Amino acid sequence: MTAPFALMYHSIAHRRPDPEGLCVPPDVLARQLDTLQRRGLRGVGMGELLTAHRAGTARGLVGLTFDDGYTDFLDAAQLLAERGFGATLYVVAGRFGGTNDWDGNGWPLLTAAGVREVDALGVEVASHTLTHPHLPRCPPARLRAEVTDSRAVLEDLLGHEVRGFAYPFGDEDPAVVAAVADAGYRDAVRADTGAPSTPHFPDLTVPRSYAGPDDGAVRLAAKHLRHHLHARVHARRAAPCRRPAGGRDVPHRSPRSRP
């Protein structure tokens, strides 16, 4: 089963300089959300999206994700609420009230009280590690701490289970994915790599499409289409083969797909 469509945001603010295009101003985000709504899509958090996907009811849903936990997410939360949309906020659990020192930009992060406020608004709060490192470069002990302790911090703060995880910088490898599985997460998202979910851990390697400040209606539609095209290509490549009378393997086709 291919992954559902999800968008990846970071800061919702006017910031300069922004060489990596991580900031989407609030007015731009509002237009993007309106575009999704006009296309018949409703934004939801990743937990809701993947639950619906497993049940075969994800049609018309798009995952909205926001990485790092910047203070300006509270502006995004208001825009989401006005449209009846949900989202997932991935927070760096060891940097409450600090800044994004991993990028050196000095952008402020939510305090613990701010994270509780987001949770009270009905937004899914999930883990983005303790310190936002490149996880494949971490020794085993630190990898376990970044993945496991961040979840414990958030669960102590919020008083309920935390199920989701996002890989910092989109970096993951088999050892990192295994650590996330061992920590008990139910789903985890990667960056926009163009690659499908890993077959052995589909819910722990969910791809997302980058959403930037220049994404208008046409570009968002193109990203949605690209996602579905990639999904079809990877589904065909993963399709089992059947052996016809002549003995040569050919891709299996369901009755509906036959000419």
Protein backbone atom coordinates (compact mmCIF):
# COMPACT_ATOMS: atom_id res chain seq x y z
CA MET A 1 0.00 0.00 0.00
CA THR A 2 1.43 3.38 -1.02
CA ALA A 3 1.77 6.28 1.40
CA PRO A 4 -0.92 8.99 1.55
CA PHE A 5 -0.24 12.61 0.57
CA ALA A 6 1.32 14.84 3.25
CA LEU A 7 2.88 18.31 3.24
CA MET A 8 5.90 19.44 5.27
CA TYR A 9 6.14 22.95 6.74
CA HIS A 10 8.55 24.59 9.17
CA SER A 11 8.28 28.23 10.30
CA ILE A 12 5.13 30.24 9.58
CA ALA A 13 6.55 33.75 9.48
CA HIS A 14 8.17 36.47 7.35
CA ARG A 15 11.88 35.88 7.99
CA ARG A 16 14.97 37.11 6.16
CA PRO A 17 17.37 35.69 5.36
CA ASP A 18 15.78 32.34 4.64
CA PRO A 19 18.17 30.62 2.21
CA GLU A 20 16.53 27.19 2.54
CA GLY A 21 12.98 28.42 2.01
CA LEU A 22 11.76 27.11 5.36
CA CYS A 23 9.49 30.07 6.15
CA VAL A 24 5.97 30.39 4.81
CA PRO A 25 4.32 33.71 5.78
CA PRO A 26 0.89 33.40 7.44
CA ASP A 27 -0.93 35.03 4.51
CA VAL A 28 0.70 32.56 2.10
CA LEU A 29 -0.21 29.62 4.33
CA ALA A 30 -3.81 30.87 4.44
CA ARG A 31 -3.96 30.89 0.63
CA GLN A 32 -2.43 27.42 0.47
CA LEU A 33 -4.95 26.03 2.94
CA ASP A 34 -7.76 27.63 0.93
CA THR A 35 -6.36 26.02 -2.22
CA LEU A 36 -6.42 22.60 -0.56
CA GLN A 37 -9.97 23.21 0.58
CA ARG A 38 -11.10 24.21 -2.92
CA ARG A 39 -9.56 21.00 -4.24
CA GLY A 40 -11.78 19.04 -1.87
CA LEU A 41 -9.00 18.20 0.58
CA ARG A 42 -9.14 18.45 4.37
CA GLY A 43 -5.95 18.84 6.36
CA VAL A 44 -5.40 16.38 9.21
CA GLY A 45 -2.60 15.21 11.48
CA MET A 46 -0.50 12.21 10.56
CA GLY A 47 -2.06 9.93 13.14
CA GLU A 48 -5.53 10.55 11.72
CA LEU A 49 -4.28 10.33 8.14
CA LEU A 50 -2.56 6.98 8.57
CA THR A 51 -5.45 5.50 10.52
CA ALA A 52 -7.76 6.47 7.66
CA HIS A 53 -5.24 5.19 5.13
CA ARG A 54 -5.13 1.76 6.75
CA ALA A 55 -8.94 1.69 6.74
CA GLY A 56 -9.09 2.72 3.09
CA THR A 57 -10.86 6.01 3.92
CA ALA A 58 -8.06 8.55 3.34
CA ARG A 59 -9.49 9.90 0.08
CA GLY A 60 -9.96 13.66 0.46
CA LEU A 61 -7.43 13.95 3.29
CA VAL A 62 -3.99 15.54 3.27
CA GLY A 63 -1.49 15.37 6.11
CA LEU A 64 -0.28 18.76 7.36
CA THR A 65 2.98 18.65 9.31
CA PHE A 66 5.08 21.37 10.92
CA ASP A 67 8.64 20.60 12.01
CA ASP A 68 10.72 21.98 14.91
CA GLY A 69 8.02 23.68 17.02
CA TYR A 70 8.53 27.39 16.36
CA THR A 71 6.61 29.96 18.37
CA ASP A 72 4.93 31.17 15.20
CA PHE A 73 3.06 27.87 14.91
CA LEU A 74 0.39 29.46 17.10
CA ASP A 75 -0.44 31.69 14.11
CA ALA A 76 -0.73 28.59 11.94
CA ALA A 77 -2.95 26.91 14.53
CA GLN A 78 -5.46 29.73 14.26
CA LEU A 79 -5.56 29.47 10.46
CA LEU A 80 -6.04 25.71 10.70
CA ALA A 81 -8.85 26.03 13.24
CA GLU A 82 -10.69 28.57 11.08
CA ARG A 83 -10.89 25.96 8.31
CA GLY A 84 -11.57 22.93 10.48
CA PHE A 85 -8.16 21.48 9.65
CA GLY A 86 -5.90 19.40 11.86
CA ALA A 87 -2.12 18.99 11.80
CA THR A 88 0.86 17.43 13.50
CA LEU A 89 3.55 19.56 15.18
CA TYR A 90 6.94 17.85 15.60
CA VAL A 91 8.78 19.46 18.52
CA VAL A 92 12.41 19.25 19.65
CA ALA A 93 11.81 18.10 23.22
CA GLY A 94 15.16 19.20 24.64
CA ARG A 95 14.97 22.78 23.35
CA PHE A 96 11.76 24.20 24.87
CA GLY A 97 12.03 27.99 24.93
CA GLY A 98 15.32 27.90 23.03
CA THR A 99 16.22 28.52 19.41
CA ASN A 100 17.00 26.36 16.38
CA ASP A 101 20.71 26.20 17.12
CA TRP A 102 21.12 23.25 14.71
CA ASP A 103 20.67 25.72 11.83
CA GLY A 104 22.17 28.75 13.55
CA ASN A 105 19.22 30.95 12.61
CA GLY A 106 18.15 31.91 16.14
CA TRP A 107 14.47 31.35 15.44
CA PRO A 108 12.54 30.97 18.72
CA LEU A 109 10.96 27.68 19.76
CA LEU A 110 7.85 27.11 21.83
CA THR A 111 8.19 26.87 25.59
CA ALA A 112 6.80 23.86 27.45
CA ALA A 113 3.69 25.93 28.19
CA GLY A 114 3.38 26.74 24.49
CA VAL A 115 3.55 23.07 23.57
CA ARG A 116 0.80 22.31 26.09
CA GLU A 117 -1.28 25.12 24.54
CA VAL A 118 -0.88 23.59 21.08
CA ASP A 119 -1.91 20.19 22.43
CA ALA A 120 -4.98 21.72 24.08
CA LEU A 121 -6.02 23.16 20.69
CA GLY A 122 -6.34 19.60 19.37
CA VAL A 123 -3.18 19.62 17.27
CA GLU A 124 -1.23 16.35 17.41
CA VAL A 125 2.12 16.92 19.15
CA ALA A 126 4.86 14.48 18.17
CA SER A 127 8.60 14.04 18.65
CA HIS A 128 11.44 15.53 16.62
CA THR A 129 14.15 14.17 18.98
CA LEU A 130 15.78 15.97 21.91
CA THR A 131 18.34 18.13 20.09
CA HIS A 132 17.72 17.77 16.32
CA PRO A 133 20.90 15.85 15.38
CA HIS A 134 21.70 13.89 12.23
CA LEU A 135 20.56 10.57 13.66
CA PRO A 136 22.59 8.25 11.36
CA ARG A 137 25.75 9.91 12.73
CA CYS A 138 24.81 9.29 16.38
CA PRO A 139 26.43 6.48 18.43
CA PRO A 140 23.90 3.83 19.51
CA ALA A 141 23.47 5.18 23.05
CA ARG A 142 22.77 8.71 21.87
CA LEU A 143 20.46 7.48 19.13
CA ARG A 144 18.37 5.64 21.72
CA ALA A 145 18.28 8.70 23.98
CA GLU A 146 17.27 11.08 21.19
CA VAL A 147 14.46 8.79 20.08
CA THR A 148 13.25 7.34 23.38
CA ASP A 149 13.84 10.16 25.87
CA SER A 150 12.19 12.77 23.64
CA ARG A 151 9.02 10.73 23.69
CA ALA A 152 9.17 10.36 27.46
CA VAL A 153 9.63 14.13 27.91
CA LEU A 154 6.60 14.89 25.77
CA GLU A 155 4.42 12.26 27.43
CA ASP A 156 5.32 13.61 30.88
CA LEU A 157 4.53 17.14 29.68
CA LEU A 158 1.23 16.35 28.00
CA GLY A 159 -0.04 13.48 30.12
CA HIS A 160 -0.88 11.18 27.23
CA GLU A 161 0.74 8.90 24.69
CA VAL A 162 2.90 10.40 21.93
CA ARG A 163 2.73 8.25 18.80
CA GLY A 164 4.50 10.18 16.04
CA PHE A 165 8.10 10.98 15.12
CA ALA A 166 9.92 13.01 12.44
CA TYR A 167 13.53 12.40 11.39
CA PRO A 168 15.63 15.59 11.72
CA PHE A 169 16.96 16.76 8.35
CA GLY A 170 15.03 13.84 6.88
CA ASP A 171 18.01 11.64 7.74
CA GLU A 172 17.34 7.98 8.46
CA ASP A 173 18.87 4.60 7.79
CA PRO A 174 17.89 1.04 8.82
CA ALA A 175 19.43 1.40 12.30
CA VAL A 176 17.59 4.68 12.92
CA VAL A 177 14.27 3.29 11.72
CA ALA A 178 14.76 0.23 13.92
CA ALA A 179 15.42 2.49 16.93
CA VAL A 180 12.20 4.38 16.24
CA ALA A 181 10.32 1.08 16.02
CA ASP A 182 11.88 -0.16 19.27
CA ALA A 183 10.85 3.09 21.01
CA GLY A 184 7.22 2.24 20.30
CA TYR A 185 6.27 4.96 17.83
CA ARG A 186 3.34 4.15 15.58
CA ASP A 187 4.32 6.40 12.70
CA ALA A 188 7.29 8.45 11.53
CA VAL A 189 7.81 10.84 8.63
CA ARG A 190 10.79 11.58 6.42
CA ALA A 191 11.56 14.52 4.17
CA ASP A 192 10.66 14.94 0.52
CA THR A 193 12.99 12.36 -1.01
CA GLY A 194 10.77 11.10 -3.80
CA ALA A 195 11.23 7.60 -2.38
CA PRO A 196 8.33 5.41 -1.25
CA SER A 197 7.85 4.09 2.26
CA THR A 198 10.21 1.27 3.26
CA PRO A 199 8.25 -1.99 2.78
CA HIS A 200 9.23 -3.46 6.15
CA PHE A 201 8.32 -0.27 8.06
CA PRO A 202 5.80 1.59 5.87
CA ASP A 203 4.32 3.66 8.70
CA LEU A 204 7.78 4.60 10.01
CA THR A 205 9.14 5.93 6.70
CA VAL A 206 6.25 8.01 5.38
CA PRO A 207 7.39 10.53 2.75
CA ARG A 208 6.20 14.14 2.69
CA SER A 209 6.14 16.84 0.04
CA TYR A 210 7.94 20.09 0.87
CA ALA A 211 5.65 23.15 1.05
CA GLY A 212 7.38 26.48 0.50
CA PRO A 213 6.58 30.19 0.22
CA ASP A 214 6.38 30.07 -3.59
CA ASP A 215 3.84 27.25 -3.75
CA GLY A 216 0.67 28.65 -5.24
CA ALA A 217 -2.35 26.75 -6.46
CA VAL A 218 -0.65 25.38 -9.57
CA ARG A 219 2.45 24.16 -7.75
CA LEU A 220 0.43 22.55 -4.97
CA ALA A 221 -1.68 20.76 -7.55
CA ALA A 222 1.49 19.61 -9.31
CA LYS A 223 2.92 18.24 -6.06
CA HIS A 224 -0.31 16.38 -5.37
CA LEU A 225 -0.22 14.91 -8.88
CA ARG A 226 3.47 14.05 -8.61
CA HIS A 227 2.82 12.17 -5.38
CA HIS A 228 0.17 10.02 -7.02
CA LEU A 229 2.31 9.40 -10.10
CA HIS A 230 5.24 8.29 -7.94
CA ALA A 231 2.89 6.08 -5.95
CA ARG A 232 1.66 4.38 -9.13
CA VAL A 233 5.19 3.83 -10.42
CA HIS A 234 6.40 2.31 -7.16
CA ALA A 235 3.26 0.19 -6.86
CA ARG A 236 3.87 -1.26 -10.30
CA ARG A 237 7.51 -1.98 -9.51
CA ALA A 238 6.48 -3.73 -6.29
CA ALA A 239 3.71 -5.74 -7.96
CA PRO A 240 4.19 -9.54 -7.82
CA CYS A 241 4.93 -11.38 -11.02
CA ARG A 242 2.97 -14.24 -12.50
CA ARG A 243 4.39 -16.83 -14.84
CA PRO A 244 2.35 -17.36 -18.02
CA ALA A 245 2.29 -20.50 -20.11
CA GLY A 246 5.34 -19.33 -22.06
CA GLY A 247 7.40 -19.28 -18.87
CA ARG A 248 8.41 -15.58 -18.79
CA ASP A 249 7.58 -13.56 -15.65
CA VAL A 250 5.28 -10.61 -16.27
CA PRO A 251 3.88 -8.09 -13.78
CA HIS A 252 0.64 -9.18 -12.20
CA ARG A 253 -2.41 -7.12 -13.19
CA SER A 254 -5.64 -6.98 -11.33
CA PRO A 255 -8.77 -7.60 -13.44
CA ARG A 256 -9.66 -3.90 -13.28
CA SER A 257 -6.30 -2.88 -14.78
CA ARG A 258 -6.47 -5.24 -17.76
CA PRO A 259 -7.10 -3.66 -21.18
